[in-house]
Protein backbone atom coordinates (compact mmCIF):
# COMPACT_ATOMS: atom_id res chain seq x y z
CA MET A 1 158.05 52.40 61.49
CA ARG A 2 157.12 55.11 59.04
CA GLN A 3 155.53 58.28 60.42
CA THR A 4 152.62 60.02 58.81
CA THR A 5 153.18 63.53 57.55
CA LYS A 6 150.99 64.90 60.38
CA GLU A 7 153.09 63.09 62.95
CA ALA A 8 156.29 64.38 61.36
CA ILE A 9 154.95 67.94 61.46
CA ALA A 10 153.93 67.48 65.12
CA GLN A 11 157.32 66.05 66.02
CA ALA A 12 159.11 68.98 64.37
CA PHE A 13 156.80 71.39 66.19
CA GLU A 14 157.44 69.74 69.56
CA GLY A 15 161.17 69.88 68.91
CA LEU A 16 160.90 73.60 68.28
CA LEU A 17 158.74 74.06 71.41
CA GLU A 18 161.49 72.44 73.46
CA LYS A 19 163.72 75.37 72.46
CA ARG A 20 161.41 78.40 72.29
CA SER A 21 157.91 79.69 72.88
CA ILE A 22 155.06 79.36 70.40
CA ASP A 23 155.08 83.07 69.58
CA LYS A 24 158.64 82.65 68.27
CA ILE A 25 157.78 79.71 65.99
CA THR A 26 156.58 80.23 62.43
CA VAL A 27 155.11 77.88 59.86
CA LYS A 28 158.32 78.43 57.91
CA ASP A 29 160.33 77.13 60.90
CA ILE A 30 158.18 74.02 61.10
CA VAL A 31 158.25 73.18 57.38
CA THR A 32 162.01 73.76 57.26
CA GLU A 33 162.51 71.52 60.29
CA CYS A 34 160.59 68.59 58.80
CA GLY A 35 161.45 69.13 55.13
CA ILE A 36 158.00 69.78 53.67
CA ASN A 37 156.46 72.72 51.87
CA ARG A 38 153.96 75.22 53.26
CA GLN A 39 151.09 73.75 51.24
CA THR A 40 151.62 70.39 52.90
CA PHE A 41 151.50 72.05 56.31
CA TYR A 42 148.25 73.86 55.44
CA TYR A 43 146.77 70.69 53.99
CA HIS A 44 146.97 69.15 57.47
CA PHE A 45 146.53 72.18 59.78
CA HIS A 46 144.83 75.57 59.62
CA ASP A 47 147.58 77.27 61.61
CA ILE A 48 150.11 76.71 64.37
CA TYR A 49 147.40 76.71 67.05
CA ASP A 50 145.48 73.98 65.25
CA LEU A 51 148.74 72.00 65.14
CA MET A 52 149.33 72.68 68.84
CA GLU A 53 145.88 71.35 69.81
CA TRP A 54 146.21 68.27 67.58
CA THR A 55 149.66 67.55 69.01
CA LEU A 56 148.40 67.90 72.58
CA VAL A 57 145.42 65.60 71.97
CA GLU A 58 147.58 63.00 70.22
CA SER A 59 150.18 63.06 72.99
CA ILE A 60 147.56 62.67 75.71
CA GLU A 61 145.85 59.85 73.80
CA LYS A 62 149.16 58.03 73.44
CA TYR A 63 149.89 58.55 77.15
CA ALA A 64 146.34 57.48 78.02
CA GLY A 65 146.79 54.28 76.06
CA LEU A 66 149.80 53.48 78.19
CA TYR A 67 148.73 54.71 81.61
CA LEU A 68 145.11 55.88 81.82
CA ASP A 69 143.11 52.69 81.67
CA ALA A 70 139.55 52.19 82.81
CA GLY A 71 140.66 49.86 85.61
CA LYS A 72 142.45 52.67 87.44
CA ASP A 73 140.73 54.73 90.08
CA TRP A 74 139.40 58.01 88.64
CA ARG A 75 141.52 60.01 91.10
CA GLU A 76 144.65 58.19 89.95
CA GLN A 77 143.72 58.89 86.32
CA ILE A 78 143.42 62.63 87.00
CA LYS A 79 146.72 62.64 88.88
CA LEU A 80 148.33 60.88 85.92
CA LEU A 81 146.91 63.50 83.55
CA PHE A 82 148.52 66.23 85.67
CA HIS A 83 151.73 64.19 85.71
CA PHE A 84 151.61 64.04 81.89
CA PHE A 85 151.57 67.85 81.81
CA TYR A 86 154.39 67.97 84.34
CA LEU A 87 156.53 65.54 82.33
CA HIS A 88 156.02 67.70 79.22
CA ARG A 89 156.23 71.03 81.04
CA THR A 90 158.78 72.65 78.73
CA VAL A 91 156.62 72.02 75.67
CA VAL A 92 153.44 72.93 77.59
CA LEU A 93 154.89 76.16 78.96
CA HIS A 94 156.37 77.16 75.60
CA GLY A 95 153.09 76.31 73.88
CA TYR A 96 150.77 77.99 76.37
CA ASP A 97 149.68 81.56 75.84
CA SER A 98 146.53 83.64 76.09
CA THR A 99 145.64 82.90 72.47
CA ASN A 100 145.39 79.16 72.94
CA ARG A 101 144.35 78.92 76.59
CA MET A 102 140.91 77.74 75.48
CA GLN A 103 142.45 74.89 73.47
CA TYR A 104 144.22 73.60 76.56
CA GLU A 105 141.02 74.00 78.55
CA ARG A 106 138.96 72.07 75.97
CA VAL A 107 141.41 69.18 75.92
CA VAL A 108 141.57 68.94 79.73
CA ILE A 109 137.78 69.21 80.11
CA LYS A 110 137.30 66.41 77.59
CA TRP A 111 139.58 64.03 79.49
CA VAL A 112 138.53 64.94 83.01
CA SER A 113 134.82 64.81 82.08
CA GLN A 114 135.26 61.18 81.07
CA MET A 115 137.01 60.39 84.33
CA VAL A 116 134.43 62.17 86.49
CA ARG A 117 131.64 60.56 84.49
CA GLY A 118 133.03 57.17 85.42
CA ARG A 119 132.81 58.22 89.07
CA ILE A 120 129.23 59.48 88.67
CA ASP A 121 128.11 56.23 87.07
CA VAL A 122 128.99 54.16 90.16
CA TYR A 123 126.46 56.03 92.33
CA PRO A 124 123.15 54.14 92.58
CA GLN A 125 121.09 57.32 92.10
CA SER A 126 122.85 57.90 88.78
CA ALA A 127 120.34 55.57 87.11
CA LYS A 128 117.56 58.09 87.89
CA VAL A 129 119.37 61.05 86.34
CA PRO A 130 118.85 61.88 82.65
CA GLU A 131 121.90 61.43 80.42
CA GLU A 132 122.18 65.13 79.53
CA LYS A 133 122.20 66.06 83.22
CA LYS A 134 125.01 63.58 83.95
CA GLU A 135 127.00 65.11 81.09
CA PHE A 136 126.34 68.57 82.54
CA ILE A 137 127.49 67.50 86.02
CA SER A 138 130.65 65.88 84.59
CA THR A 139 131.48 69.01 82.62
CA VAL A 140 131.01 71.32 85.61
CA TYR A 141 133.35 69.23 87.77
CA ALA A 142 135.82 68.96 84.87
CA ARG A 143 135.84 72.74 84.43
CA GLY A 144 136.90 73.09 88.05
CA CYS A 145 139.75 70.66 87.51
CA ALA A 146 140.75 72.44 84.30
CA GLY A 147 140.85 75.68 86.26
CA PHE A 148 143.29 74.11 88.72
CA LEU A 149 145.46 72.82 85.89
CA LEU A 150 145.54 76.09 83.95
CA GLU A 151 146.29 78.12 87.07
CA TRP A 152 149.14 75.74 87.80
CA VAL A 153 150.43 76.13 84.21
CA GLU A 154 150.25 79.92 84.56
CA GLU A 155 152.32 79.63 87.75
CA GLY A 156 155.02 77.82 85.77
CA MET A 157 154.12 74.24 86.85
CA PRO A 158 156.41 74.21 89.89
CA ASP A 159 155.49 70.64 90.95
CA GLU A 160 152.35 68.64 90.23
CA ARG A 161 151.86 68.09 93.95
CA HIS A 162 151.38 71.85 94.26
CA VAL A 163 147.86 71.50 92.86
CA ARG A 164 145.37 70.70 95.61
CA LEU A 165 143.89 67.66 93.90
CA ASP A 166 143.18 65.79 97.12
CA ASP A 167 140.94 68.66 98.25
CA TYR A 168 139.28 68.64 94.82
CA PHE A 169 138.65 64.89 95.10
CA LEU A 170 137.21 65.30 98.60
CA MET A 171 134.87 68.00 97.34
CA ILE A 172 133.70 65.88 94.41
CA ASP A 173 133.20 62.74 96.46
CA GLY A 174 131.36 64.72 99.10
CA SER A 175 128.97 66.33 96.67
CA ILE A 176 128.26 63.99 93.75
CA GLY A 177 125.61 62.00 95.62
CA HIS A 178 123.85 65.18 96.68
CA VAL A 179 123.98 66.65 93.16
CA LEU A 180 122.65 63.43 91.63
CA ASP A 181 119.75 63.45 94.12
CA LYS A 182 118.89 67.00 93.04
CA PHE A 183 118.94 66.05 89.34
CA SER A 184 116.93 62.83 89.72
CA LYS A 185 113.84 62.46 87.52
């Protein structure tokens, strides 16, 4: 199967991230690795950080297509997302720095918001809460989860069980109904 140029660039980038950190990778390294010119790189990406975010999103979407289906419990989906990061820890750790922390956070918040939103929607009082408020609630809970994930990444991702997800799930389950009652029309 033939890869697109973007996928080839991403694959070359991930290969380089396996060996060294993002601050030691240049556009020249990437284009040399995949046999393209700089203009082709810049046609597809603004810079290395744009490439890093695109690669992360694509990898998670591919993983999600295989493992994160709607039939799974939302807690299991979040655990699988953390497991995805753990499985790719070398690339994640080499790609993570203070410059792109927000990119990681955005990606995690996007995914976890969807998962938490699925949990919110099963509560009966959810029908009385305006859509924008449900999105707000999902985002707030997702930011908490993203905080756990990023702190864990900063610690070097010792083991995905290190993150206190069960406590996080208990907190969410124990408070969603109350929060929805407060936001009811």
